[in-house]
Amino acid sequence: MSESEDDWLALKPSEPLPSQCCGSGCKPCISDLYQKELAQWEKARAKKDKSLLSKQKEQSCNSELNPDTFTAFSINSVEQLTQDTYLYRFELPENSSLGLSLGQHVVLRGEVNGLEVQRAYTPISPVNAEGYFDVLIKCYASGLMSQYIKSWKKGETIFWRGPFGGFPYRPNQYGELLMLASGTGLAPMLPILQYVTENEDDETFITLVGCFRTFENIYLKPLLQDLSRYWNVRMFYILSQEHSLKELPWSYQKNTYTGHINENLIKEIIGSCRKKPFVLICGSEAFNKDMATCLKAVGLEEDSYFAF
């Protein structure tokens, strides 16, 4: 018996909404997956053979990260770091590792008021972390994904897809890494910092410049302080809404600036680098664009920096 047209139309994959794309250039993107499913559906329809349709489930519960399907991970803990930023720890079974390379991100899927949304986040835990991975997330009052995230509780199951992107790095590949991070743009810098400092044979110098609104908004101060004690690491902070450094702990006063990062300050920091730096940039789209403009203005070529 031939299949009816309505039967086949009911099996046709749905084209993703704009909100379902995280906008981070993932490969495969959700649009790529849709085109693959659509081509498979058209082939099955032409041959009138439903067995040709993909049997792969949209999501998996085997806790193995996959770029094509969403995998379930359980929330182990929720820690509020600032008024609008949280640290979420997810469990991995049997001391397994997430399997990320440096700077790679994963894509989160959520649903708000019946609308599916997807966003990209970079885990901040070391790439060799076993049994868990940590994600730093800033929630916005009007953000669709933020509404979903702020409802998370310990023990809930959350779906992730990936990994994507990344920063290719070899020990001692660069004389110095200069990291320019704004807010949660700190996320991809942390695994790189920990990777370098944990390798006794890697003698790369690192200068991290963290841009935050206030001293209270500096994320993960204990971790950053611990990392700054390594012989090859130094850190600077730029606080846009602080007007004086007098109230800051003395250990921060000597390496903190007020105002905004600009061309002159970048030139000063680059001039103080111990070796010729390769620059890593991560922040908002506007921040990344501004930093690239400043770096060009101080004489760095495009192949001397990388923006996440």
C-alpha atoms as a PDB file:
ATOM      1  CA  MET A   1       0.000   0.000   0.000  1.00  0.00           C
ATOM      2  CA  SER A   2       1.403   3.397  -0.973  1.00  0.00           C
ATOM      3  CA  GLU A   3       2.062   5.988   1.676  1.00  0.00           C
ATOM      4  CA  SER A   4      -0.232   9.039   1.672  1.00  0.00           C
ATOM      5  CA  GLU A   5       1.179  12.524   1.098  1.00  0.00           C
ATOM      6  CA  ASP A   6      -0.030  13.606   4.546  1.00  0.00           C
ATOM      7  CA  ASP A   7       1.913  10.777   6.169  1.00  0.00           C
ATOM      8  CA  TRP A   8       5.131  11.906   4.534  1.00  0.00           C
ATOM      9  CA  LEU A   9       4.538  15.585   5.315  1.00  0.00           C
ATOM     10  CA  ALA A  10       4.061  14.658   8.972  1.00  0.00           C
ATOM     11  CA  LEU A  11       7.558  13.099   8.943  1.00  0.00           C
ATOM     12  CA  LYS A  12       9.221  16.098   7.272  1.00  0.00           C
ATOM     13  CA  PRO A  13      11.814  17.740   9.591  1.00  0.00           C
ATOM     14  CA  SER A  14      10.954  21.223  10.850  1.00  0.00           C
ATOM     15  CA  GLU A  15      13.177  24.118   9.804  1.00  0.00           C
ATOM     16  CA  PRO A  16      14.870  25.624  12.887  1.00  0.00           C
ATOM     17  CA  LEU A  17      13.830  29.061  14.132  1.00  0.00           C
ATOM     18  CA  PRO A  18      16.397  31.892  14.323  1.00  0.00           C
ATOM     19  CA  SER A  19      16.309  31.584  18.138  1.00  0.00           C
ATOM     20  CA  GLN A  20      17.563  28.013  17.863  1.00  0.00           C
ATOM     21  CA  CYS A  21      20.906  29.134  16.414  1.00  0.00           C
ATOM     22  CA  CYS A  22      23.482  30.145  19.020  1.00  0.00           C
ATOM     23  CA  GLY A  23      25.310  32.332  16.494  1.00  0.00           C
ATOM     24  CA  SER A  24      28.768  30.973  17.328  1.00  0.00           C
ATOM     25  CA  GLY A  25      29.604  29.399  13.986  1.00  0.00           C
ATOM     26  CA  CYS A  26      29.294  25.796  15.199  1.00  0.00           C
ATOM     27  CA  LYS A  27      30.044  23.010  12.738  1.00  0.00           C
ATOM     28  CA  PRO A  28      27.662  21.358  12.339  1.00  0.00           C
ATOM     29  CA  CYS A  29      25.248  24.235  12.953  1.00  0.00           C
ATOM     30  CA  ILE A  30      21.640  23.421  13.729  1.00  0.00           C
ATOM     31  CA  SER A  31      20.879  24.566  10.159  1.00  0.00           C
ATOM     32  CA  ASP A  32      23.427  22.046   8.834  1.00  0.00           C
ATOM     33  CA  LEU A  33      21.707  19.279  10.806  1.00  0.00           C
ATOM     34  CA  TYR A  34      18.329  20.364   9.395  1.00  0.00           C
ATOM     35  CA  GLN A  35      19.628  20.249   5.812  1.00  0.00           C
ATOM     36  CA  LYS A  36      21.045  16.758   6.445  1.00  0.00           C
ATOM     37  CA  GLU A  37      17.733  15.529   7.864  1.00  0.00           C
ATOM     38  CA  LEU A  38      15.778  17.178   5.034  1.00  0.00           C
ATOM     39  CA  ALA A  39      17.931  15.499   2.368  1.00  0.00           C
ATOM     40  CA  GLN A  40      17.454  12.142   4.109  1.00  0.00           C
ATOM     41  CA  TRP A  41      13.696  12.693   4.256  1.00  0.00           C
ATOM     42  CA  GLU A  42      13.534  13.617   0.552  1.00  0.00           C
ATOM     43  CA  LYS A  43      15.489  10.481  -0.368  1.00  0.00           C
ATOM     44  CA  ALA A  44      13.205   8.264   1.741  1.00  0.00           C
ATOM     45  CA  ARG A  45      10.106   9.922   0.293  1.00  0.00           C
ATOM     46  CA  ALA A  46      11.290   9.467  -3.300  1.00  0.00           C
ATOM     47  CA  LYS A  47      11.900   5.752  -2.655  1.00  0.00           C
ATOM     48  CA  LYS A  48       8.792   5.442  -0.456  1.00  0.00           C
ATOM     49  CA  ASP A  49      10.951   3.778   2.183  1.00  0.00           C
ATOM     50  CA  LYS A  50      10.580   5.051   5.767  1.00  0.00           C
ATOM     51  CA  SER A  51      13.415   2.796   6.905  1.00  0.00           C
ATOM     52  CA  LEU A  52      15.810   5.281   5.291  1.00  0.00           C
ATOM     53  CA  LEU A  53      14.830   7.960   7.778  1.00  0.00           C
ATOM     54  CA  SER A  54      17.340   8.625  10.540  1.00  0.00           C
ATOM     55  CA  LYS A  55      16.861   6.468  13.606  1.00  0.00           C
ATOM     56  CA  GLN A  56      19.267   8.602  15.603  1.00  0.00           C
ATOM     57  CA  LYS A  57      17.617  10.144  18.627  1.00  0.00           C
ATOM     58  CA  GLU A  58      17.599  13.911  18.975  1.00  0.00           C
ATOM     59  CA  GLN A  59      19.058  13.619  22.446  1.00  0.00           C
ATOM     60  CA  SER A  60      21.126  11.115  24.361  1.00  0.00           C
ATOM     61  CA  CYS A  61      21.522  10.150  28.007  1.00  0.00           C
ATOM     62  CA  ASN A  62      24.880   8.367  27.757  1.00  0.00           C
ATOM     63  CA  SER A  63      26.808  11.451  29.037  1.00  0.00           C
ATOM     64  CA  GLU A  64      29.124  11.460  26.021  1.00  0.00           C
ATOM     65  CA  LEU A  65      29.315  14.860  24.369  1.00  0.00           C
ATOM     66  CA  ASN A  66      28.340  14.789  20.687  1.00  0.00           C
ATOM     67  CA  PRO A  67      28.292  17.638  18.115  1.00  0.00           C
ATOM     68  CA  ASP A  68      25.247  16.231  16.308  1.00  0.00           C
ATOM     69  CA  THR A  69      22.906  15.410  19.188  1.00  0.00           C
ATOM     70  CA  PHE A  70      22.111  16.863  22.590  1.00  0.00           C
ATOM     71  CA  THR A  71      23.340  14.916  25.592  1.00  0.00           C
ATOM     72  CA  ALA A  72      21.889  15.019  29.110  1.00  0.00           C
ATOM     73  CA  PHE A  73      24.053  16.135  32.032  1.00  0.00           C
ATOM     74  CA  SER A  74      22.974  16.483  35.655  1.00  0.00           C
ATOM     75  CA  ILE A  75      23.587  19.648  37.694  1.00  0.00           C
ATOM     76  CA  ASN A  76      25.784  18.890  40.698  1.00  0.00           C
ATOM     77  CA  SER A  77      25.845  22.376  42.238  1.00  0.00           C
ATOM     78  CA  VAL A  78      24.790  25.984  41.689  1.00  0.00           C
ATOM     79  CA  GLU A  79      26.877  28.868  43.074  1.00  0.00           C
ATOM     80  CA  GLN A  80      25.935  32.529  42.726  1.00  0.00           C
ATOM     81  CA  LEU A  81      29.107  34.562  42.182  1.00  0.00           C
ATOM     82  CA  THR A  82      27.655  38.049  41.672  1.00  0.00           C
ATOM     83  CA  GLN A  83      24.210  39.589  41.420  1.00  0.00           C
ATOM     84  CA  ASP A  84      23.746  38.225  37.895  1.00  0.00           C
ATOM     85  CA  THR A  85      26.435  35.581  37.373  1.00  0.00           C
ATOM     86  CA  TYR A  86      26.418  31.923  38.407  1.00  0.00           C
ATOM     87  CA  LEU A  87      28.793  28.967  38.391  1.00  0.00           C
ATOM     88  CA  TYR A  88      27.181  25.641  37.472  1.00  0.00           C
ATOM     89  CA  ARG A  89      28.890  22.300  37.986  1.00  0.00           C
ATOM     90  CA  PHE A  90      27.725  19.302  35.931  1.00  0.00           C
ATOM     91  CA  GLU A  91      28.404  15.656  36.755  1.00  0.00           C
ATOM     92  CA  LEU A  92      30.324  13.258  34.534  1.00  0.00           C
ATOM     93  CA  PRO A  93      30.092   9.501  35.230  1.00  0.00           C
ATOM     94  CA  GLU A  94      32.928   7.372  36.586  1.00  0.00           C
ATOM     95  CA  ASN A  95      35.509  10.172  36.631  1.00  0.00           C
ATOM     96  CA  SER A  96      35.243  10.556  32.864  1.00  0.00           C
ATOM     97  CA  SER A  97      36.328  13.733  31.064  1.00  0.00           C
ATOM     98  CA  LEU A  98      34.259  15.972  28.810  1.00  0.00           C
ATOM     99  CA  GLY A  99      36.941  15.641  26.139  1.00  0.00           C
ATOM    100  CA  LEU A 100      37.346  19.293  25.197  1.00  0.00           C
ATOM    101  CA  SER A 101      40.364  20.933  23.635  1.00  0.00           C
ATOM    102  CA  LEU A 102      41.510  24.378  24.773  1.00  0.00           C
ATOM    103  CA  GLY A 103      38.984  27.144  24.172  1.00  0.00           C
ATOM    104  CA  GLN A 104      36.226  24.891  22.871  1.00  0.00           C
ATOM    105  CA  HIS A 105      32.606  25.726  23.625  1.00  0.00           C
ATOM    106  CA  VAL A 106      29.410  23.717  23.967  1.00  0.00           C
ATOM    107  CA  VAL A 107      25.843  24.603  22.992  1.00  0.00           C
ATOM    108  CA  LEU A 108      23.000  24.667  25.509  1.00  0.00           C
ATOM    109  CA  ARG A 109      19.390  23.994  24.557  1.00  0.00           C
ATOM    110  CA  GLY A 110      16.516  25.418  26.566  1.00  0.00           C
ATOM    111  CA  GLU A 111      12.818  26.144  26.200  1.00  0.00           C
ATOM    112  CA  VAL A 112      11.020  29.298  27.325  1.00  0.00           C
ATOM    113  CA  ASN A 113       7.287  29.771  26.821  1.00  0.00           C
ATOM    114  CA  GLY A 114       7.271  27.037  24.192  1.00  0.00           C
ATOM    115  CA  LEU A 115      10.159  28.609  22.248  1.00  0.00           C
ATOM    116  CA  GLU A 116      13.380  26.649  21.863  1.00  0.00           C
ATOM    117  CA  VAL A 117      16.569  28.683  22.283  1.00  0.00           C
ATOM    118  CA  GLN A 118      20.233  27.735  22.027  1.00  0.00           C
ATOM    119  CA  ARG A 119      23.339  29.524  23.280  1.00  0.00           C
ATOM    120  CA  ALA A 120      27.074  28.768  23.347  1.00  0.00           C
ATOM    121  CA  TYR A 121      29.151  28.671  26.548  1.00  0.00           C
ATOM    122  CA  THR A 122      32.772  27.779  27.229  1.00  0.00           C
ATOM    123  CA  PRO A 123      33.422  25.489  30.227  1.00  0.00           C
ATOM    124  CA  ILE A 124      35.950  27.046  32.616  1.00  0.00           C
ATOM    125  CA  SER A 125      37.154  23.791  34.181  1.00  0.00           C
ATOM    126  CA  PRO A 126      40.558  22.361  33.163  1.00  0.00           C
ATOM    127  CA  VAL A 127      40.390  20.359  29.942  1.00  0.00           C
ATOM    128  CA  ASN A 128      41.576  17.283  31.855  1.00  0.00           C
ATOM    129  CA  ALA A 129      39.014  17.654  34.678  1.00  0.00           C
ATOM    130  CA  GLU A 130      37.519  14.286  35.623  1.00  0.00           C
ATOM    131  CA  GLY A 131      34.010  13.648  36.901  1.00  0.00           C
ATOM    132  CA  TYR A 132      32.703  17.173  36.290  1.00  0.00           C
ATOM    133  CA  PHE A 133      32.734  20.315  34.173  1.00  0.00           C
ATOM    134  CA  ASP A 134      32.006  23.910  35.216  1.00  0.00           C
ATOM    135  CA  VAL A 135      30.210  26.615  33.268  1.00  0.00           C
ATOM    136  CA  LEU A 136      30.214  30.332  34.101  1.00  0.00           C
ATOM    137  CA  ILE A 137      26.982  32.046  32.989  1.00  0.00           C
ATOM    138  CA  LYS A 138      25.795  35.626  33.231  1.00  0.00           C
ATOM    139  CA  CYS A 139      22.006  35.966  33.305  1.00  0.00           C
ATOM    140  CA  TYR A 140      20.251  38.969  31.793  1.00  0.00           C
ATOM    141  CA  ALA A 141      16.905  40.285  33.014  1.00  0.00           C
ATOM    142  CA  SER A 142      15.370  40.251  29.528  1.00  0.00           C
ATOM    143  CA  GLY A 143      17.230  37.251  28.112  1.00  0.00           C
ATOM    144  CA  LEU A 144      15.172  34.277  26.964  1.00  0.00           C
ATOM    145  CA  MET A 145      17.882  31.751  27.807  1.00  0.00           C
ATOM    146  CA  SER A 146      18.526  33.530  31.112  1.00  0.00           C
ATOM    147  CA  GLN A 147      14.913  32.920  32.147  1.00  0.00           C
ATOM    148  CA  TYR A 148      15.484  29.210  31.607  1.00  0.00           C
ATOM    149  CA  ILE A 149      18.891  29.118  33.309  1.00  0.00           C
ATOM    150  CA  LYS A 150      17.779  31.004  36.436  1.00  0.00           C
ATOM    151  CA  SER A 151      15.251  28.248  37.115  1.00  0.00           C
ATOM    152  CA  TRP A 152      17.946  25.528  37.350  1.00  0.00           C
ATOM    153  CA  LYS A 153      18.237  23.514  40.541  1.00  0.00           C
ATOM    154  CA  LYS A 154      20.693  20.862  41.706  1.00  0.00           C
ATOM    155  CA  GLY A 155      19.837  17.456  40.246  1.00  0.00           C
ATOM    156  CA  GLU A 156      18.113  18.774  37.131  1.00  0.00           C
ATOM    157  CA  THR A 157      19.015  17.381  33.709  1.00  0.00           C
ATOM    158  CA  ILE A 158      20.332  19.844  31.140  1.00  0.00           C
ATOM    159  CA  PHE A 159      21.109  19.173  27.479  1.00  0.00           C
ATOM    160  CA  TRP A 160      24.364  20.162  25.760  1.00  0.00           C
ATOM    161  CA  ARG A 161      25.836  19.610  22.269  1.00  0.00           C
ATOM    162  CA  GLY A 162      29.439  19.970  21.128  1.00  0.00           C
ATOM    163  CA  PRO A 163      32.322  20.570  21.276  1.00  0.00           C
ATOM    164  CA  PHE A 164      32.977  23.369  18.785  1.00  0.00           C
ATOM    165  CA  GLY A 165      35.694  25.904  18.005  1.00  0.00           C
ATOM    166  CA  GLY A 166      38.835  26.075  20.083  1.00  0.00           C
ATOM    167  CA  PHE A 167      42.268  27.682  20.208  1.00  0.00           C
ATOM    168  CA  PRO A 168      45.029  25.484  18.734  1.00  0.00           C
ATOM    169  CA  TYR A 169      47.923  25.596  21.167  1.00  0.00           C
ATOM    170  CA  ARG A 170      51.209  23.778  21.720  1.00  0.00           C
ATOM    171  CA  PRO A 171      53.389  24.252  24.819  1.00  0.00           C
ATOM    172  CA  ASN A 172      55.993  26.995  24.282  1.00  0.00           C
ATOM    173  CA  GLN A 173      54.383  27.894  20.959  1.00  0.00           C
ATOM    174  CA  TYR A 174      54.395  31.586  21.946  1.00  0.00           C
ATOM    175  CA  GLY A 175      56.763  33.583  24.100  1.00  0.00           C
ATOM    176  CA  GLU A 176      53.881  35.276  25.890  1.00  0.00           C
ATOM    177  CA  LEU A 177      50.090  35.112  25.784  1.00  0.00           C
ATOM    178  CA  LEU A 178      48.298  38.408  26.428  1.00  0.00           C
ATOM    179  CA  MET A 179      44.668  37.747  27.363  1.00  0.00           C
ATOM    180  CA  LEU A 180      42.122  40.555  27.013  1.00  0.00           C
ATOM    181  CA  ALA A 181      38.870  39.437  28.644  1.00  0.00           C
ATOM    182  CA  SER A 182      35.675  41.313  29.426  1.00  0.00           C
ATOM    183  CA  GLY A 183      33.249  39.864  31.994  1.00  0.00           C
ATOM    184  CA  THR A 184      32.443  36.235  31.266  1.00  0.00           C
ATOM    185  CA  GLY A 185      34.916  36.467  28.400  1.00  0.00           C
ATOM    186  CA  LEU A 186      37.196  35.185  31.138  1.00  0.00           C
ATOM    187  CA  ALA A 187      35.782  31.690  30.500  1.00  0.00           C
ATOM    188  CA  PRO A 188      38.009  30.437  27.631  1.00  0.00           C
ATOM    189  CA  MET A 189      41.089  32.008  29.231  1.00  0.00           C
ATOM    190  CA  LEU A 190      40.913  29.923  32.412  1.00  0.00           C
ATOM    191  CA  PRO A 191      41.459  26.461  30.874  1.00  0.00           C
ATOM    192  CA  ILE A 192      44.428  27.858  28.917  1.00  0.00           C
ATOM    193  CA  LEU A 193      45.898  29.432  32.068  1.00  0.00           C
ATOM    194  CA  GLN A 194      45.530  26.179  33.975  1.00  0.00           C
ATOM    195  CA  TYR A 195      46.896  24.126  31.091  1.00  0.00           C
ATOM    196  CA  VAL A 196      50.074  26.228  30.942  1.00  0.00           C
ATOM    197  CA  THR A 197      50.640  26.424  34.696  1.00  0.00           C
ATOM    198  CA  GLU A 198      50.100  22.681  35.205  1.00  0.00           C
ATOM    199  CA  ASN A 199      52.781  21.843  32.630  1.00  0.00           C
ATOM    200  CA  GLU A 200      56.215  22.289  34.187  1.00  0.00           C
ATOM    201  CA  ASP A 201      57.823  22.158  30.742  1.00  0.00           C
ATOM    202  CA  ASP A 202      55.717  25.035  29.376  1.00  0.00           C
ATOM    203  CA  GLU A 203      57.591  28.291  29.975  1.00  0.00           C
ATOM    204  CA  THR A 204      55.079  30.566  28.267  1.00  0.00           C
ATOM    205  CA  PHE A 205      54.520  33.895  30.019  1.00  0.00           C
ATOM    206  CA  ILE A 206      50.897  34.914  30.515  1.00  0.00           C
ATOM    207  CA  THR A 207      49.418  38.363  31.105  1.00  0.00           C
ATOM    208  CA  LEU A 208      45.688  38.420  31.813  1.00  0.00           C
ATOM    209  CA  VAL A 209      43.799  41.718  31.586  1.00  0.00           C
ATOM    210  CA  GLY A 210      40.307  41.339  33.058  1.00  0.00           C
ATOM    211  CA  CYS A 211      37.729  44.075  32.441  1.00  0.00           C
ATOM    212  CA  PHE A 212      34.864  44.269  34.945  1.00  0.00           C
ATOM    213  CA  ARG A 213      32.411  46.884  36.191  1.00  0.00           C
ATOM    214  CA  THR A 214      33.466  46.867  39.856  1.00  0.00           C
ATOM    215  CA  PHE A 215      35.785  44.994  42.204  1.00  0.00           C
ATOM    216  CA  GLU A 216      32.830  42.930  43.404  1.00  0.00           C
ATOM    217  CA  ASN A 217      32.161  41.878  39.822  1.00  0.00           C
ATOM    218  CA  ILE A 218      35.550  40.178  39.419  1.00  0.00           C
ATOM    219  CA  TYR A 219      34.684  36.518  39.100  1.00  0.00           C
ATOM    220  CA  LEU A 220      36.513  33.690  40.851  1.00  0.00           C
ATOM    221  CA  LYS A 221      38.958  35.858  42.785  1.00  0.00           C
ATOM    222  CA  PRO A 222      40.479  32.951  44.816  1.00  0.00           C
ATOM    223  CA  LEU A 223      41.246  30.987  41.632  1.00  0.00           C
ATOM    224  CA  LEU A 224      42.702  34.029  39.895  1.00  0.00           C
ATOM    225  CA  GLN A 225      44.827  34.866  42.938  1.00  0.00           C
ATOM    226  CA  ASP A 226      46.164  31.311  43.036  1.00  0.00           C
ATOM    227  CA  LEU A 227      47.044  31.415  39.338  1.00  0.00           C
ATOM    228  CA  SER A 228      48.726  34.816  39.685  1.00  0.00           C
ATOM    229  CA  ARG A 229      51.257  33.294  42.107  1.00  0.00           C
ATOM    230  CA  TYR A 230      52.908  31.293  39.333  1.00  0.00           C
ATOM    231  CA  TRP A 231      56.246  32.709  38.217  1.00  0.00           C
ATOM    232  CA  ASN A 232      55.099  33.162  34.620  1.00  0.00           C
ATOM    233  CA  VAL A 233      51.649  34.692  35.271  1.00  0.00           C
ATOM    234  CA  ARG A 234      50.623  38.260  36.005  1.00  0.00           C
ATOM    235  CA  MET A 235      47.181  39.859  36.087  1.00  0.00           C
ATOM    236  CA  PHE A 236      45.716  43.312  35.632  1.00  0.00           C
ATOM    237  CA  TYR A 237      42.156  44.435  36.297  1.00  0.00           C
ATOM    238  CA  ILE A 238      40.310  47.339  34.699  1.00  0.00           C
ATOM    239  CA  LEU A 239      37.183  48.469  36.573  1.00  0.00           C
ATOM    240  CA  SER A 240      34.880  50.728  34.586  1.00  0.00           C
ATOM    241  CA  GLN A 241      32.603  51.825  37.460  1.00  0.00           C
ATOM    242  CA  GLU A 242      35.156  52.232  40.249  1.00  0.00           C
ATOM    243  CA  HIS A 243      36.332  55.801  40.826  1.00  0.00           C
ATOM    244  CA  SER A 244      39.046  55.081  43.394  1.00  0.00           C
ATOM    245  CA  LEU A 245      41.347  52.197  44.275  1.00  0.00           C
ATOM    246  CA  LYS A 246      41.735  53.204  47.930  1.00  0.00           C
ATOM    247  CA  GLU A 247      39.017  50.815  49.149  1.00  0.00           C
ATOM    248  CA  LEU A 248      40.478  47.814  47.311  1.00  0.00           C
ATOM    249  CA  PRO A 249      42.678  45.260  49.119  1.00  0.00           C
ATOM    250  CA  TRP A 250      46.310  46.328  48.865  1.00  0.00           C
ATOM    251  CA  SER A 251      47.175  43.241  46.821  1.00  0.00           C
ATOM    252  CA  TYR A 252      44.918  44.534  44.022  1.00  0.00           C
ATOM    253  CA  GLN A 253      45.788  48.226  44.105  1.00  0.00           C
ATOM    254  CA  LYS A 254      49.096  47.949  42.289  1.00  0.00           C
ATOM    255  CA  ASN A 255      47.685  46.026  39.328  1.00  0.00           C
ATOM    256  CA  THR A 256      44.236  47.602  38.915  1.00  0.00           C
ATOM    257  CA  TYR A 257      43.080  50.536  36.769  1.00  0.00           C
ATOM    258  CA  THR A 258      39.838  52.500  36.766  1.00  0.00           C
ATOM    259  CA  GLY A 259      37.950  53.491  33.626  1.00  0.00           C
ATOM    260  CA  HIS A 260      37.967  51.598  30.341  1.00  0.00           C
ATOM    261  CA  ILE A 261      40.623  49.701  28.459  1.00  0.00           C
ATOM    262  CA  ASN A 262      41.944  51.782  25.576  1.00  0.00           C
ATOM    263  CA  GLU A 263      44.719  52.033  23.018  1.00  0.00           C
ATOM    264  CA  ASN A 264      47.153  53.786  25.337  1.00  0.00           C
ATOM    265  CA  LEU A 265      46.724  51.236  28.123  1.00  0.00           C
ATOM    266  CA  ILE A 266      47.080  48.325  25.711  1.00  0.00           C
ATOM    267  CA  LYS A 267      50.256  49.896  24.342  1.00  0.00           C
ATOM    268  CA  GLU A 268      51.598  50.255  27.889  1.00  0.00           C
ATOM    269  CA  ILE A 269      50.814  46.636  28.791  1.00  0.00           C
ATOM    270  CA  ILE A 270      52.275  45.266  25.560  1.00  0.00           C
ATOM    271  CA  GLY A 271      55.379  47.347  26.186  1.00  0.00           C
ATOM    272  CA  SER A 272      55.766  45.680  29.589  1.00  0.00           C
ATOM    273  CA  CYS A 273      55.409  42.149  28.233  1.00  0.00           C
ATOM    274  CA  ARG A 274      58.469  40.024  28.783  1.00  0.00           C
ATOM    275  CA  LYS A 275      58.377  38.584  25.265  1.00  0.00           C
ATOM    276  CA  LYS A 276      56.526  39.436  22.056  1.00  0.00           C
ATOM    277  CA  PRO A 277      52.907  38.568  22.871  1.00  0.00           C
ATOM    278  CA  PHE A 278      50.252  36.675  20.999  1.00  0.00           C
ATOM    279  CA  VAL A 279      46.908  38.176  22.025  1.00  0.00           C
ATOM    280  CA  LEU A 280      43.690  36.352  22.931  1.00  0.00           C
ATOM    281  CA  ILE A 281      40.447  38.363  22.989  1.00  0.00           C
ATOM    282  CA  CYS A 282      37.073  37.426  24.436  1.00  0.00           C
ATOM    283  CA  GLY A 283      34.072  39.546  25.351  1.00  0.00           C
ATOM    284  CA  SER A 284      31.044  41.020  23.661  1.00  0.00           C
ATOM    285  CA  GLU A 285      31.064  41.512  19.905  1.00  0.00           C
ATOM    286  CA  ALA A 286      31.691  45.231  20.459  1.00  0.00           C
ATOM    287  CA  PHE A 287      34.565  44.524  22.883  1.00  0.00           C
ATOM    288  CA  ASN A 288      36.232  42.119  20.467  1.00  0.00           C
ATOM    289  CA  LYS A 289      35.930  44.636  17.647  1.00  0.00           C
ATOM    290  CA  ASP A 290      37.335  47.478  19.782  1.00  0.00           C
ATOM    291  CA  MET A 291      40.278  45.366  20.948  1.00  0.00           C
ATOM    292  CA  ALA A 292      41.120  44.331  17.379  1.00  0.00           C
ATOM    293  CA  THR A 293      41.085  48.019  16.355  1.00  0.00           C
ATOM    294  CA  CYS A 294      43.370  48.955  19.262  1.00  0.00           C
ATOM    295  CA  LEU A 295      45.806  46.143  18.506  1.00  0.00           C
ATOM    296  CA  LYS A 296      46.081  47.209  14.880  1.00  0.00           C
ATOM    297  CA  ALA A 297      46.622  50.798  16.017  1.00  0.00           C
ATOM    298  CA  VAL A 298      49.581  49.772  18.186  1.00  0.00           C
ATOM    299  CA  GLY A 299      51.171  47.845  15.335  1.00  0.00           C
ATOM    300  CA  LEU A 300      50.031  44.223  15.780  1.00  0.00           C
ATOM    301  CA  GLU A 301      49.189  42.298  12.631  1.00  0.00           C
ATOM    302  CA  GLU A 302      45.998  40.230  12.321  1.00  0.00           C
ATOM    303  CA  ASP A 303      47.955  37.004  12.668  1.00  0.00           C
ATOM    304  CA  SER A 304      49.134  38.175  16.115  1.00  0.00           C
ATOM    305  CA  TYR A 305      45.781  37.835  17.845  1.00  0.00           C
ATOM    306  CA  PHE A 306      42.830  35.464  18.129  1.00  0.00           C
ATOM    307  CA  ALA A 307      39.255  36.350  19.082  1.00  0.00           C
ATOM    308  CA  PHE A 308      36.955  33.747  20.621  1.00  0.00           C
END
